[in-house]
Protein backbone atom coordinates (compact mmCIF):
# COMPACT_ATOMS: atom_id res chain seq x y z
CA MET A 1 122.94 53.28 44.23
CA PRO A 2 121.48 57.26 43.95
CA ASP A 3 124.52 58.87 45.49
CA ALA A 4 127.04 56.71 44.39
CA ILE A 5 130.01 58.35 42.78
CA VAL A 6 130.92 56.64 39.37
CA PRO A 7 133.78 54.18 39.78
CA ASP A 8 136.25 56.17 37.80
CA SER A 9 135.84 59.59 39.36
CA GLU A 10 138.99 61.62 40.00
CA HIS A 11 137.79 63.79 42.50
CA ARG A 12 135.77 61.56 44.99
CA GLY A 13 136.05 63.77 48.20
CA LEU A 14 135.35 67.18 46.32
CA VAL A 15 132.12 65.87 44.47
CA ALA A 16 131.15 63.99 47.64
CA ARG A 17 131.14 67.39 49.43
CA LEU A 18 128.61 69.07 47.06
CA PRO A 19 124.86 69.13 47.86
CA ARG A 20 123.10 66.45 46.22
CA THR A 21 121.44 68.15 43.14
CA LEU A 22 124.96 70.04 42.50
CA ARG A 23 126.58 66.78 42.88
CA GLY A 24 124.58 65.39 40.39
CA LEU A 25 124.86 68.17 37.78
CA ALA A 26 128.59 67.82 38.35
CA LEU A 27 128.98 64.04 38.03
CA LEU A 28 126.24 64.61 34.74
CA ALA A 29 129.12 67.04 33.12
CA ARG A 30 131.96 64.82 34.34
CA PHE A 31 133.60 67.60 36.39
CA ASP A 32 135.18 64.81 38.26
CA ARG A 33 136.79 63.30 35.25
CA PRO A 34 138.73 66.15 33.83
CA ILE A 35 140.62 63.86 31.58
CA GLY A 36 137.75 64.45 28.95
CA TRP A 37 138.14 68.24 28.70
CA TRP A 38 142.08 68.08 28.44
CA LEU A 39 141.56 65.72 25.42
CA LEU A 40 139.28 68.07 23.70
CA PHE A 41 141.35 70.93 24.62
CA TRP A 42 144.84 69.71 23.62
CA PRO A 43 143.87 69.62 19.69
CA CYS A 44 143.00 73.32 19.93
CA ALA A 45 146.32 74.19 22.01
CA TRP A 46 148.49 72.31 19.24
CA ALA A 47 146.90 73.92 16.46
CA VAL A 48 147.59 77.63 17.58
CA ALA A 49 151.10 76.65 19.02
CA LEU A 50 152.02 74.80 15.74
CA SER A 51 150.91 77.92 13.56
CA GLY A 52 153.18 79.81 15.48
CA ALA A 53 150.66 81.87 17.39
CA ALA A 54 150.98 80.52 20.91
CA TRP A 55 152.76 83.82 22.61
CA GLU A 56 150.53 86.37 21.16
CA ARG A 57 147.53 84.34 21.17
CA TRP A 58 147.51 82.97 24.74
CA ASP A 59 144.24 84.39 25.57
CA LEU A 60 143.02 82.30 22.59
CA ILE A 61 144.46 79.24 24.26
CA GLY A 62 142.42 80.07 27.58
CA TRP A 63 138.83 80.62 25.64
CA PHE A 64 139.79 77.26 24.31
CA LEU A 65 140.43 75.53 27.54
CA LEU A 66 137.06 77.27 29.05
CA GLY A 67 135.14 76.18 26.04
CA SER A 68 136.45 72.77 26.09
CA ILE A 69 135.32 72.61 29.96
CA ALA A 70 131.88 73.58 28.90
CA MET A 71 131.33 71.85 25.62
CA ARG A 72 132.92 68.42 26.82
CA GLY A 73 130.13 68.97 30.14
CA ALA A 74 127.50 69.58 27.22
CA GLY A 75 128.40 66.79 25.13
CA CYS A 76 128.36 64.15 28.34
CA VAL A 77 125.08 65.83 29.55
CA TYR A 78 123.64 64.93 25.68
CA ASN A 79 125.19 61.51 25.69
CA ASP A 80 123.63 60.64 28.93
CA ILE A 81 120.20 61.96 28.17
CA VAL A 82 120.67 59.74 24.89
CA ASP A 83 121.95 56.71 26.38
CA ARG A 84 119.85 56.60 29.51
CA ASP A 85 118.49 53.07 28.99
CA LEU A 86 121.91 51.80 27.74
CA ASP A 87 123.62 53.24 30.74
CA ALA A 88 121.19 51.41 33.37
CA GLN A 89 122.06 48.01 31.74
CA VAL A 90 125.96 48.56 32.02
CA ALA A 91 127.57 48.10 35.31
CA ARG A 92 129.94 50.96 35.04
CA THR A 93 127.27 53.37 34.01
CA ALA A 94 124.27 52.34 36.15
CA ALA A 95 125.31 54.92 38.77
CA ARG A 96 125.23 57.73 36.37
CA PRO A 97 122.98 60.75 37.87
CA ILE A 98 120.13 60.00 35.01
CA PRO A 99 119.63 56.07 35.33
CA SER A 100 120.21 56.30 38.91
CA GLY A 101 117.42 59.12 39.47
CA MET A 102 119.67 61.72 40.80
CA VAL A 103 118.97 63.89 38.02
CA SER A 104 115.80 64.18 35.81
CA VAL A 105 115.74 64.17 32.15
CA ARG A 106 114.04 67.87 32.53
CA THR A 107 116.74 69.32 34.58
CA ALA A 108 119.44 67.79 32.46
CA TRP A 109 118.20 69.69 29.35
CA ILE A 110 118.14 72.75 31.41
CA TRP A 111 121.52 71.87 32.44
CA LEU A 112 122.42 71.20 29.08
CA ALA A 113 121.19 74.75 28.05
CA ALA A 114 123.41 76.37 30.49
CA LEU A 115 126.74 74.76 29.55
CA CYS A 116 125.81 75.64 25.78
CA LEU A 117 125.32 79.26 26.84
CA VAL A 118 129.21 79.24 28.18
CA GLY A 119 130.20 77.50 24.91
CA LEU A 120 128.31 80.54 23.23
CA VAL A 121 130.22 82.94 24.91
CA VAL A 122 133.54 81.55 23.89
CA LEU A 123 132.10 81.30 20.17
CA LEU A 124 131.73 84.82 20.32
CA GLN A 125 135.42 85.53 20.92
CA LEU A 126 136.33 83.93 17.53
CA ARG A 127 136.36 85.45 14.18
CA PRO A 128 133.64 84.71 11.88
CA PRO A 129 135.43 82.02 9.78
CA ALA A 130 136.56 80.03 12.93
CA ALA A 131 133.16 80.40 14.35
CA ILE A 132 131.44 78.55 11.07
CA VAL A 133 134.05 75.97 11.52
CA ALA A 134 133.30 75.32 15.10
CA LEU A 135 129.54 75.44 14.59
CA ALA A 136 129.87 72.86 11.64
CA SER A 137 130.92 70.36 14.19
CA LEU A 138 127.50 70.24 16.20
CA ALA A 139 126.11 67.77 13.55
CA LEU A 140 128.93 65.26 14.33
CA VAL A 141 128.24 65.85 17.95
CA ALA A 142 124.38 65.40 17.77
CA ALA A 143 124.85 61.86 15.95
CA TYR A 144 127.82 60.68 18.01
CA PRO A 145 125.56 58.83 20.64
CA PHE A 146 123.80 56.90 18.05
CA MET A 147 126.99 55.61 16.47
CA LYS A 148 127.44 52.48 18.83
CA ARG A 149 124.18 51.25 17.78
CA ILE A 150 124.97 51.17 13.91
CA THR A 151 128.81 50.93 13.65
CA TRP A 152 131.73 48.89 15.15
CA TRP A 153 133.62 51.94 14.95
CA PRO A 154 132.22 54.61 17.19
CA GLN A 155 135.66 55.55 18.37
CA ALA A 156 136.19 57.01 14.62
CA TRP A 157 133.06 59.28 14.95
CA LEU A 158 134.35 60.24 18.34
CA GLY A 159 137.86 60.89 16.56
CA LEU A 160 136.38 63.38 14.13
CA VAL A 161 134.63 65.22 17.10
CA PHE A 162 137.21 65.38 19.73
CA SER A 163 139.96 66.44 17.09
CA TRP A 164 137.68 69.47 15.49
CA GLY A 165 139.19 71.56 17.87
CA ALA A 166 142.48 71.64 15.62
CA LEU A 167 140.59 72.77 12.84
CA VAL A 168 139.00 75.65 14.97
CA GLY A 169 142.33 76.67 16.29
CA TRP A 170 144.25 76.66 13.04
CA THR A 171 141.38 78.74 11.08
CA GLU A 172 141.49 81.32 14.14
CA ALA A 173 145.19 81.72 14.64
CA ALA A 174 146.71 81.07 11.16
CA ASP A 175 144.05 82.98 8.82
CA GLY A 176 143.70 79.99 6.55
CA PHE A 177 143.79 76.20 6.18
CA ASN A 178 146.49 74.11 4.62
CA LEU A 179 148.23 70.59 4.26
CA ALA A 180 149.62 70.95 8.14
CA ALA A 181 146.22 71.72 9.24
CA ALA A 182 144.67 68.63 7.60
CA ALA A 183 147.83 66.30 8.74
CA LEU A 184 147.22 67.60 12.49
CA TYR A 185 143.50 66.95 12.43
CA LEU A 186 143.70 63.64 10.69
CA GLY A 187 146.66 62.57 12.92
CA THR A 188 144.57 63.54 15.98
CA VAL A 189 141.89 61.35 14.91
CA ALA A 190 143.73 58.49 14.74
CA TRP A 191 145.08 59.47 18.04
CA VAL A 192 141.29 59.51 19.43
CA ILE A 193 140.36 56.26 18.01
CA GLY A 194 143.59 54.56 19.81
CA TYR A 195 142.82 55.93 23.24
CA ASP A 196 139.26 55.33 23.21
CA THR A 197 140.00 51.90 21.98
CA ILE A 198 142.08 51.84 25.29
CA TYR A 199 139.10 53.30 27.06
CA ALA A 200 136.21 51.11 25.66
CA LEU A 201 137.90 47.93 27.03
CA GLN A 202 136.63 48.60 30.21
CA ASP A 203 132.95 47.74 28.89
CA VAL A 204 133.67 44.68 26.63
CA ASP A 205 131.93 42.01 28.38
CA ASP A 206 128.92 44.39 29.44
CA ASP A 207 128.53 45.82 25.61
CA ALA A 208 128.70 42.43 24.50
CA LEU A 209 125.85 41.33 26.87
CA ILE A 210 123.26 44.60 25.34
CA GLY A 211 124.99 44.49 21.86
CA VAL A 212 126.56 47.78 21.90
CA ARG A 213 129.28 47.86 19.36
CA SER A 214 133.11 49.22 19.99
CA SER A 215 136.54 49.06 18.20
CA ALA A 216 137.47 47.26 21.35
CA ARG A 217 135.19 44.31 20.81
CA ARG A 218 135.77 44.40 16.77
CA LEU A 219 139.72 43.94 17.41
CA GLY A 220 139.29 40.94 19.88
CA ARG A 221 142.54 39.78 20.88
CA ASN A 222 144.36 42.16 18.28
CA VAL A 223 143.18 45.27 20.15
CA ARG A 224 146.94 45.93 21.32
CA LEU A 225 148.45 45.78 17.78
CA GLY A 226 145.29 47.70 16.74
CA VAL A 227 146.02 50.47 19.17
CA ALA A 228 149.68 50.59 17.99
CA GLY A 229 148.71 50.66 14.56
CA PHE A 230 146.45 53.90 15.02
CA TYR A 231 149.01 55.39 17.46
CA ALA A 232 151.65 55.10 14.62
CA LEU A 233 149.40 56.75 11.97
CA ALA A 234 149.02 59.41 14.27
CA LEU A 235 152.46 60.10 14.76
CA ALA A 236 153.22 59.97 10.87
CA LEU A 237 150.58 62.23 10.11
CA TRP A 238 151.78 64.85 13.07
CA GLY A 239 155.22 64.20 11.50
CA LEU A 240 154.00 65.70 7.98
CA ALA A 241 152.23 68.42 9.86
CA ILE A 242 155.63 69.46 11.38
CA ARG A 243 157.52 69.03 8.11
CA GLN A 244 154.85 71.34 6.45
CA THR A 245 155.49 73.70 9.12
CA TYR A 246 159.22 73.75 9.41
CA LEU A 247 161.15 72.16 6.64
CA ASP A 248 164.24 70.88 8.53
CA PRO A 249 163.85 67.22 9.21
CA LEU A 250 165.34 67.70 12.84
CA ALA A 251 162.02 69.22 13.65
CA LEU A 252 160.73 65.53 13.77
CA ALA A 253 162.74 64.93 16.76
CA ALA A 254 160.18 66.97 18.73
CA LEU A 255 157.96 64.11 18.64
CA LEU A 256 160.29 61.50 20.10
CA PRO A 257 158.95 62.17 23.84
CA VAL A 258 155.24 61.69 22.65
CA ALA A 259 155.97 58.99 20.76
CA GLY A 260 157.81 57.27 23.59
CA HIS A 261 154.87 57.89 25.69
CA LEU A 262 152.40 56.12 23.48
CA THR A 263 154.88 53.06 22.85
CA TRP A 264 154.94 52.79 26.55
CA GLN A 265 151.08 52.88 26.37
CA VAL A 266 150.78 49.78 24.11
CA ALA A 267 153.48 48.05 25.51
CA THR A 268 152.31 48.10 29.36
CA LEU A 269 148.35 47.92 28.17
CA ASP A 270 146.74 44.55 29.49
CA PRO A 271 143.26 44.52 27.67
CA THR A 272 141.93 42.14 30.32
CA ASP A 273 142.60 44.63 33.28
CA GLY A 274 140.12 47.62 33.37
CA ALA A 275 142.28 49.34 35.88
CA ASN A 276 145.17 49.00 33.62
CA ALA A 277 143.36 50.30 30.62
CA LEU A 278 141.94 53.54 32.42
CA HIS A 279 145.28 54.49 33.77
CA ARG A 280 146.59 54.15 30.33
CA PHE A 281 143.75 56.14 28.89
CA ARG A 282 144.23 58.85 31.49
CA SER A 283 147.76 58.83 30.67
CA ASN A 284 146.93 60.67 27.27
CA ARG A 285 146.67 64.05 29.15
CA PHE A 286 150.15 63.78 29.42
CA ALA A 287 150.36 62.61 25.97
CA GLY A 288 148.81 65.96 25.22
CA LEU A 289 151.22 68.05 26.98
CA LEU A 290 153.93 66.46 25.10
CA MET A 291 152.54 66.98 21.68
CA PHE A 292 151.80 70.57 22.94
CA LEU A 293 155.17 71.03 23.85
CA ALA A 294 156.47 69.80 20.35
CA CYS A 295 153.98 72.27 18.43
CA LEU A 296 155.40 75.19 20.67
CA THR A 297 158.83 74.21 19.78
CA VAL A 298 158.41 73.98 16.08
CA GLY A 299 155.86 76.56 15.71
CA SER A 300 158.38 79.33 17.57
CA ALA A 301 161.04 78.29 15.43
């Protein structure tokens, strides 16, 4: 299937019209699946908004969006280079550009370097403290593809990586680090574990056959309860971040819309239906928007 569009591509028509080489690069960086860079971007935007700097630093939010697109793409390329042998054994990933032969490993490395250059441009827009925090995430990023081989909780490691933007955004926008920033970050880690456990439900059978570990496999029949627990922890920690920012208890009401959305995800999740799981996973793009509005409301108060 050298020219196949991956099963969960969101832009089949657009990607399919690209020349073969460009199509392979677009698929490799997951440009056809924007949910990934939205999930990487939202914690950055939350931090800027909750710190109270959203209106005056709208340009920073724009740079974070560009950086999220580029670095999420770079992370996917790196992950596919490392995982090319495993991907070839899993039905959902066998059509990816490297295992299918659409893109060579050498071309993938060149593409990775190009995406990292875009990330470097974004990095240069940050002041030194925030840039140092951003660079500190590279070790976590480099180790992530190997976590599924050594732990049942690679989703927890992904949580550390995908939530890091909250620390970068807060450091840049708020000139410091405090309990609110820590609570926002840790709550986001819990949120990532929850939604990536949902995502992993699509691969539980193939993962079991080839020995890949995941939180979805570890939780088994308790997966809905586990996701609910991680989402509840996320909301509790986000509530702490909000209370540290604005002492009025009524400020916690800003979390009600996102809490309702996460509750819907858990209540309607069918662990045996891959399409259902994918839809709930993708809906976290909207959850991120609701959380951003909560942070913007509180941070602007």
